[in-house]
Every structure is written in structure tokens, then in C-alpha cells.
Amino acid sequence: GGTHPPVLGDLKVAFAGRRYLRTTLGGPVFTTAEGAPRWYVVVAQVLIWLLPLAVGVPLSLLHCPDGSSTPCTSGFTPLVAPCAAGGAMLVVYAALKLSSLAMRRGLNRVG
């Protein structure tokens, strides 16, 4: 024997803990190198977190409006609501991606 150095130092353990928390929470940014993020970054993160709920719940209620656990008698097949929610999320994602690309393109212009 003898003593062996730790596999992970204190700084790496602290970093891994912060990174794990950020990963499990979906990546919200609580601090940046400059300090706290701007207000619109926080608002955008909250909206992105709540968007699946805001899209999924109404579409699920369209499928089964009474909210009971008994089989629904609506005219929709069981896959209509989740497919519509997924399609709506895809449209929102595409809109966010295109707006992000447009903003980058505008920032990269010279003149």
C-alpha cells in the first residue's frame, strides 16, 4: 500500500453535480460567465418547458373531454391526440429553429 490520490478532485465533483442537475432539469441556464442570464432567456426557457403541457393537455382533452378513465366515445382514434401534439411540437420547433437561423444571419451581416 500507500495512499492514492482521489479519482475525482473536489472541483470535478462540484462540476459534475452542477452538470447533472442542469442535464436532468432540461438544460436551464441559471448563471452564465457574465452572471445571471437576461430576462428573455429565462422567459424562453420557461415557455419551452411549459409548451408540451400547453399543447398536450388540450389535445388530450379533445380526445377524451369528460376526463374519465372509461374508454372515450369520441370520434377520434386513440393516436390522434398524441400525433397532433407531436406535430404541433414539430411545427413549434421548426419555427424556433428558423427564427434562430434568421437572427444569426442578421447578426453575421456586414455593413
N, C-alpha and C. Protein backbone atom coordinates (compact mmCIF):
# COMPACT_ATOMS: atom_id res chain seq x y z
N GLY A 1 0.22 -1.13 0.00
CA GLY A 1 0.00 0.00 0.00
C GLY A 1 0.28 1.40 0.00
N GLY A 2 0.14 2.32 0.58
CA GLY A 2 0.28 3.75 0.42
C GLY A 2 -1.04 4.42 0.10
N THR A 3 -1.00 5.69 0.14
CA THR A 3 -2.22 6.42 -0.16
C THR A 3 -2.28 6.75 -1.64
N HIS A 4 -3.47 6.72 -2.15
CA HIS A 4 -3.67 7.04 -3.56
C HIS A 4 -4.47 8.33 -3.67
N PRO A 5 -4.17 9.14 -4.66
CA PRO A 5 -4.96 10.36 -4.82
C PRO A 5 -6.39 10.02 -5.24
N PRO A 6 -7.34 10.88 -4.94
CA PRO A 6 -8.72 10.60 -5.32
C PRO A 6 -8.87 10.60 -6.84
N VAL A 7 -9.80 9.78 -7.33
CA VAL A 7 -10.02 9.71 -8.77
C VAL A 7 -10.59 11.04 -9.27
N LEU A 8 -11.51 11.60 -8.52
CA LEU A 8 -12.08 12.90 -8.88
C LEU A 8 -11.78 13.90 -7.77
N GLY A 9 -11.24 15.03 -8.16
CA GLY A 9 -10.98 16.08 -7.18
C GLY A 9 -12.27 16.79 -6.79
N ASP A 10 -12.19 17.64 -5.79
CA ASP A 10 -13.36 18.37 -5.30
C ASP A 10 -13.98 19.25 -6.38
N LEU A 11 -13.17 19.90 -7.18
CA LEU A 11 -13.69 20.77 -8.23
C LEU A 11 -14.45 19.97 -9.29
N LYS A 12 -13.91 18.80 -9.64
CA LYS A 12 -14.59 17.98 -10.64
C LYS A 12 -15.90 17.41 -10.10
N VAL A 13 -15.95 17.07 -8.84
CA VAL A 13 -17.19 16.57 -8.24
C VAL A 13 -18.24 17.67 -8.23
N ALA A 14 -17.84 18.88 -7.87
CA ALA A 14 -18.78 20.01 -7.87
C ALA A 14 -19.27 20.30 -9.28
N PHE A 15 -18.37 20.27 -10.26
CA PHE A 15 -18.76 20.50 -11.65
C PHE A 15 -19.72 19.42 -12.12
N ALA A 16 -19.43 18.16 -11.81
CA ALA A 16 -20.30 17.05 -12.22
C ALA A 16 -21.68 17.19 -11.58
N GLY A 17 -21.74 17.62 -10.34
CA GLY A 17 -23.03 17.83 -9.68
C GLY A 17 -23.85 18.91 -10.36
N ARG A 18 -23.20 20.03 -10.70
CA ARG A 18 -23.92 21.11 -11.39
C ARG A 18 -24.36 20.64 -12.78
N ARG A 19 -23.49 19.95 -13.47
CA ARG A 19 -23.81 19.49 -14.82
C ARG A 19 -24.95 18.46 -14.79
N TYR A 20 -24.94 17.58 -13.80
CA TYR A 20 -26.01 16.58 -13.68
C TYR A 20 -27.34 17.26 -13.41
N LEU A 21 -27.35 18.25 -12.52
CA LEU A 21 -28.57 18.99 -12.22
C LEU A 21 -29.09 19.71 -13.46
N ARG A 22 -28.18 20.34 -14.18
CA ARG A 22 -28.59 21.05 -15.40
C ARG A 22 -29.13 20.08 -16.44
N THR A 23 -28.53 18.92 -16.57
CA THR A 23 -28.97 17.93 -17.55
C THR A 23 -30.34 17.37 -17.18
N THR A 24 -30.54 17.04 -15.92
CA THR A 24 -31.82 16.44 -15.52
C THR A 24 -32.95 17.46 -15.55
N LEU A 25 -32.67 18.74 -15.38
CA LEU A 25 -33.70 19.76 -15.44
C LEU A 25 -33.98 20.23 -16.87
N GLY A 26 -33.32 19.64 -17.83
CA GLY A 26 -33.58 20.00 -19.22
C GLY A 26 -32.72 21.12 -19.75
N GLY A 27 -31.70 21.47 -19.04
CA GLY A 27 -30.74 22.45 -19.54
C GLY A 27 -31.02 23.90 -19.24
N PRO A 28 -31.82 24.25 -18.21
CA PRO A 28 -31.98 25.68 -17.96
C PRO A 28 -30.67 26.33 -17.53
N VAL A 29 -30.46 27.55 -17.94
CA VAL A 29 -29.24 28.27 -17.61
C VAL A 29 -29.54 29.18 -16.42
N PHE A 30 -28.93 28.89 -15.29
CA PHE A 30 -29.13 29.70 -14.10
C PHE A 30 -28.08 30.80 -13.99
N THR A 31 -26.89 30.52 -14.46
CA THR A 31 -25.83 31.53 -14.46
C THR A 31 -25.02 31.39 -15.73
N THR A 32 -24.43 32.48 -16.14
CA THR A 32 -23.53 32.47 -17.28
C THR A 32 -22.19 33.03 -16.82
N ALA A 33 -21.26 33.12 -17.72
CA ALA A 33 -19.95 33.66 -17.37
C ALA A 33 -20.07 35.13 -16.94
N GLU A 34 -21.09 35.81 -17.46
CA GLU A 34 -21.30 37.22 -17.12
C GLU A 34 -22.19 37.41 -15.90
N GLY A 35 -22.71 36.33 -15.34
CA GLY A 35 -23.62 36.42 -14.20
C GLY A 35 -24.97 35.82 -14.55
N ALA A 36 -26.02 36.41 -14.04
CA ALA A 36 -27.38 35.90 -14.30
C ALA A 36 -27.75 36.13 -15.76
N PRO A 37 -28.51 35.20 -16.36
CA PRO A 37 -28.91 35.39 -17.75
C PRO A 37 -29.92 36.53 -17.89
N ARG A 38 -30.08 37.03 -19.08
CA ARG A 38 -31.04 38.10 -19.34
C ARG A 38 -32.45 37.58 -19.13
N TRP A 39 -33.38 38.47 -18.88
CA TRP A 39 -34.75 38.08 -18.54
C TRP A 39 -35.40 37.29 -19.65
N TYR A 40 -35.13 37.65 -20.91
CA TYR A 40 -35.80 36.94 -22.01
C TYR A 40 -35.29 35.51 -22.17
N VAL A 41 -34.08 35.24 -21.72
CA VAL A 41 -33.58 33.87 -21.74
C VAL A 41 -34.38 33.02 -20.75
N VAL A 42 -34.61 33.56 -19.58
CA VAL A 42 -35.39 32.85 -18.56
C VAL A 42 -36.82 32.64 -19.03
N VAL A 43 -37.43 33.66 -19.63
CA VAL A 43 -38.80 33.55 -20.14
C VAL A 43 -38.86 32.48 -21.23
N ALA A 44 -37.91 32.48 -22.13
CA ALA A 44 -37.89 31.48 -23.20
C ALA A 44 -37.74 30.07 -22.64
N GLN A 45 -36.90 29.91 -21.63
CA GLN A 45 -36.73 28.58 -21.03
C GLN A 45 -38.02 28.10 -20.37
N VAL A 46 -38.70 29.00 -19.68
CA VAL A 46 -39.96 28.62 -19.03
C VAL A 46 -41.00 28.25 -20.08
N LEU A 47 -41.09 29.03 -21.15
CA LEU A 47 -42.06 28.73 -22.21
C LEU A 47 -41.75 27.40 -22.88
N ILE A 48 -40.49 27.12 -23.11
CA ILE A 48 -40.13 25.85 -23.74
C ILE A 48 -40.46 24.69 -22.81
N TRP A 49 -40.30 24.89 -21.52
CA TRP A 49 -40.65 23.84 -20.55
C TRP A 49 -42.15 23.60 -20.51
N LEU A 50 -42.94 24.67 -20.58
CA LEU A 50 -44.39 24.55 -20.45
C LEU A 50 -45.09 24.23 -21.76
N LEU A 51 -44.41 24.38 -22.88
CA LEU A 51 -45.04 24.18 -24.18
C LEU A 51 -45.61 22.78 -24.38
N PRO A 52 -44.90 21.71 -24.04
CA PRO A 52 -45.50 20.38 -24.23
C PRO A 52 -46.79 20.22 -23.42
N LEU A 53 -46.82 20.77 -22.22
CA LEU A 53 -48.02 20.70 -21.40
C LEU A 53 -49.14 21.51 -22.04
N ALA A 54 -48.81 22.70 -22.53
CA ALA A 54 -49.82 23.58 -23.13
C ALA A 54 -50.38 23.00 -24.42
N VAL A 55 -49.61 22.20 -25.11
CA VAL A 55 -50.09 21.58 -26.35
C VAL A 55 -50.74 20.24 -26.06
N GLY A 56 -50.15 19.44 -25.20
CA GLY A 56 -50.63 18.09 -24.97
C GLY A 56 -51.94 17.99 -24.23
N VAL A 57 -52.13 18.83 -23.20
CA VAL A 57 -53.35 18.74 -22.40
C VAL A 57 -54.59 19.10 -23.22
N PRO A 58 -54.61 20.21 -23.94
CA PRO A 58 -55.82 20.50 -24.73
C PRO A 58 -56.12 19.43 -25.78
N LEU A 59 -55.07 18.91 -26.42
CA LEU A 59 -55.31 17.89 -27.42
C LEU A 59 -55.79 16.59 -26.78
N SER A 60 -55.31 16.29 -25.59
CA SER A 60 -55.81 15.11 -24.88
C SER A 60 -57.26 15.30 -24.47
N LEU A 61 -57.61 16.52 -24.06
CA LEU A 61 -58.99 16.79 -23.69
C LEU A 61 -59.92 16.77 -24.90
N LEU A 62 -59.38 17.11 -26.07
CA LEU A 62 -60.19 16.98 -27.28
C LEU A 62 -60.53 15.52 -27.53
N HIS A 63 -59.58 14.65 -27.23
CA HIS A 63 -59.81 13.23 -27.45
C HIS A 63 -60.78 12.66 -26.43
N CYS A 64 -60.64 13.03 -25.17
CA CYS A 64 -61.48 12.49 -24.11
C CYS A 64 -61.94 13.65 -23.22
N PRO A 65 -62.94 14.42 -23.65
CA PRO A 65 -63.28 15.65 -22.94
C PRO A 65 -63.83 15.46 -21.53
N ASP A 66 -64.44 14.33 -21.22
CA ASP A 66 -65.00 14.19 -19.87
C ASP A 66 -63.95 13.86 -18.83
N GLY A 67 -62.75 13.46 -19.24
CA GLY A 67 -61.66 13.19 -18.31
C GLY A 67 -61.81 11.92 -17.50
N SER A 68 -62.75 11.09 -17.83
CA SER A 68 -62.95 9.86 -17.06
C SER A 68 -61.97 8.79 -17.51
N SER A 69 -61.85 7.77 -16.70
CA SER A 69 -60.93 6.68 -17.03
C SER A 69 -61.61 5.62 -17.91
N THR A 70 -62.89 5.76 -18.13
CA THR A 70 -63.58 4.81 -19.01
C THR A 70 -63.21 5.12 -20.45
N PRO A 71 -63.33 4.14 -21.33
CA PRO A 71 -62.98 4.40 -22.73
C PRO A 71 -63.80 5.55 -23.31
N CYS A 72 -63.15 6.38 -24.09
CA CYS A 72 -63.80 7.55 -24.66
C CYS A 72 -64.72 7.15 -25.80
N THR A 73 -65.74 7.94 -25.98
CA THR A 73 -66.69 7.68 -27.07
C THR A 73 -66.54 8.73 -28.16
N SER A 74 -65.41 9.45 -28.16
CA SER A 74 -65.22 10.47 -29.20
C SER A 74 -64.94 9.79 -30.53
N GLY A 75 -65.05 10.56 -31.59
CA GLY A 75 -64.82 10.02 -32.93
C GLY A 75 -63.35 9.84 -33.27
N PHE A 76 -62.46 10.33 -32.39
CA PHE A 76 -61.02 10.23 -32.66
C PHE A 76 -60.50 8.85 -32.29
N THR A 77 -59.55 8.37 -33.06
CA THR A 77 -58.86 7.15 -32.66
C THR A 77 -57.88 7.51 -31.55
N PRO A 78 -57.42 6.55 -30.76
CA PRO A 78 -56.54 6.88 -29.62
C PRO A 78 -55.24 7.56 -30.00
N LEU A 79 -54.77 7.42 -31.22
CA LEU A 79 -53.49 8.01 -31.60
C LEU A 79 -53.60 9.43 -32.14
N VAL A 80 -54.80 9.95 -32.32
CA VAL A 80 -54.95 11.28 -32.91
C VAL A 80 -54.35 12.35 -32.01
N ALA A 81 -54.69 12.34 -30.72
CA ALA A 81 -54.20 13.39 -29.81
C ALA A 81 -52.68 13.39 -29.69
N PRO A 82 -52.03 12.24 -29.43
CA PRO A 82 -50.57 12.30 -29.33
C PRO A 82 -49.89 12.66 -30.65
N CYS A 83 -50.43 12.22 -31.76
CA CYS A 83 -49.83 12.56 -33.06
C CYS A 83 -50.01 14.05 -33.34
N ALA A 84 -51.17 14.60 -33.00
CA ALA A 84 -51.40 16.04 -33.19
C ALA A 84 -50.47 16.84 -32.29
N ALA A 85 -50.30 16.38 -31.04
CA ALA A 85 -49.38 17.08 -30.12
C ALA A 85 -47.96 17.03 -30.65
N GLY A 86 -47.54 15.86 -31.13
CA GLY A 86 -46.19 15.74 -31.70
C GLY A 86 -46.01 16.61 -32.93
N GLY A 87 -47.03 16.66 -33.78
CA GLY A 87 -46.96 17.51 -34.97
C GLY A 87 -46.90 18.98 -34.60
N ALA A 88 -47.68 19.37 -33.60
CA ALA A 88 -47.65 20.77 -33.16
C ALA A 88 -46.28 21.12 -32.59
N MET A 89 -45.70 20.22 -31.82
CA MET A 89 -44.37 20.47 -31.26
C MET A 89 -43.32 20.56 -32.38
N LEU A 90 -43.48 19.74 -33.42
CA LEU A 90 -42.56 19.79 -34.55
C LEU A 90 -42.65 21.14 -35.26
N VAL A 91 -43.86 21.65 -35.43
CA VAL A 91 -44.05 22.96 -36.06
C VAL A 91 -43.41 24.05 -35.20
N VAL A 92 -43.61 23.98 -33.88
CA VAL A 92 -43.02 24.98 -32.98
C VAL A 92 -41.49 24.90 -33.03
N TYR A 93 -40.95 23.69 -33.03
CA TYR A 93 -39.50 23.51 -33.12
C TYR A 93 -38.96 24.11 -34.41
N ALA A 94 -39.63 23.82 -35.52
CA ALA A 94 -39.18 24.34 -36.82
C ALA A 94 -39.23 25.87 -36.82
N ALA A 95 -40.28 26.44 -36.23
CA ALA A 95 -40.38 27.90 -36.18
C ALA A 95 -39.26 28.50 -35.33
N LEU A 96 -38.97 27.88 -34.19
CA LEU A 96 -37.89 28.37 -33.34
C LEU A 96 -36.54 28.25 -34.05
N LYS A 97 -36.32 27.13 -34.72
CA LYS A 97 -35.05 26.92 -35.43
C LYS A 97 -34.88 27.92 -36.56
N LEU A 98 -35.94 28.13 -37.33
CA LEU A 98 -35.85 29.08 -38.43
C LEU A 98 -35.64 30.51 -37.93
N SER A 99 -36.31 30.87 -36.83
CA SER A 99 -36.10 32.22 -36.29
C SER A 99 -34.69 32.38 -35.75
N SER A 100 -34.16 31.31 -35.16
CA SER A 100 -32.79 31.35 -34.67
C SER A 100 -31.80 31.52 -35.82
N LEU A 101 -32.03 30.79 -36.90
CA LEU A 101 -31.15 30.93 -38.07
C LEU A 101 -31.26 32.32 -38.69
N ALA A 102 -32.47 32.86 -38.71
CA ALA A 102 -32.66 34.20 -39.27
C ALA A 102 -31.94 35.24 -38.41
N MET A 103 -32.00 35.08 -37.10
CA MET A 103 -31.30 36.03 -36.22
C MET A 103 -29.80 35.94 -36.40
N ARG A 104 -29.28 34.74 -36.51
CA ARG A 104 -27.84 34.57 -36.71
C ARG A 104 -27.41 35.17 -38.04
N ARG A 105 -28.23 34.97 -39.06
CA ARG A 105 -27.91 35.50 -40.37
C ARG A 105 -27.88 37.03 -40.31
N GLY A 106 -28.83 37.63 -39.59
CA GLY A 106 -28.86 39.07 -39.45
C GLY A 106 -27.67 39.60 -38.66
N LEU A 107 -27.22 38.84 -37.67
CA LEU A 107 -26.07 39.28 -36.87
C LEU A 107 -24.77 39.15 -37.62
N ASN A 108 -24.71 38.23 -38.59
CA ASN A 108 -23.46 37.99 -39.33
C ASN A 108 -23.31 38.88 -40.54
N ARG A 109 -24.29 39.72 -40.81
CA ARG A 109 -24.19 40.61 -41.96
C ARG A 109 -23.19 41.71 -41.69
N VAL A 110 -22.50 42.06 -42.74
CA VAL A 110 -21.52 43.14 -42.65
C VAL A 110 -22.09 44.34 -43.39
N GLY A 111 -22.03 45.50 -42.76
CA GLY A 111 -22.44 46.70 -43.49
C GLY A 111 -23.70 47.26 -43.06
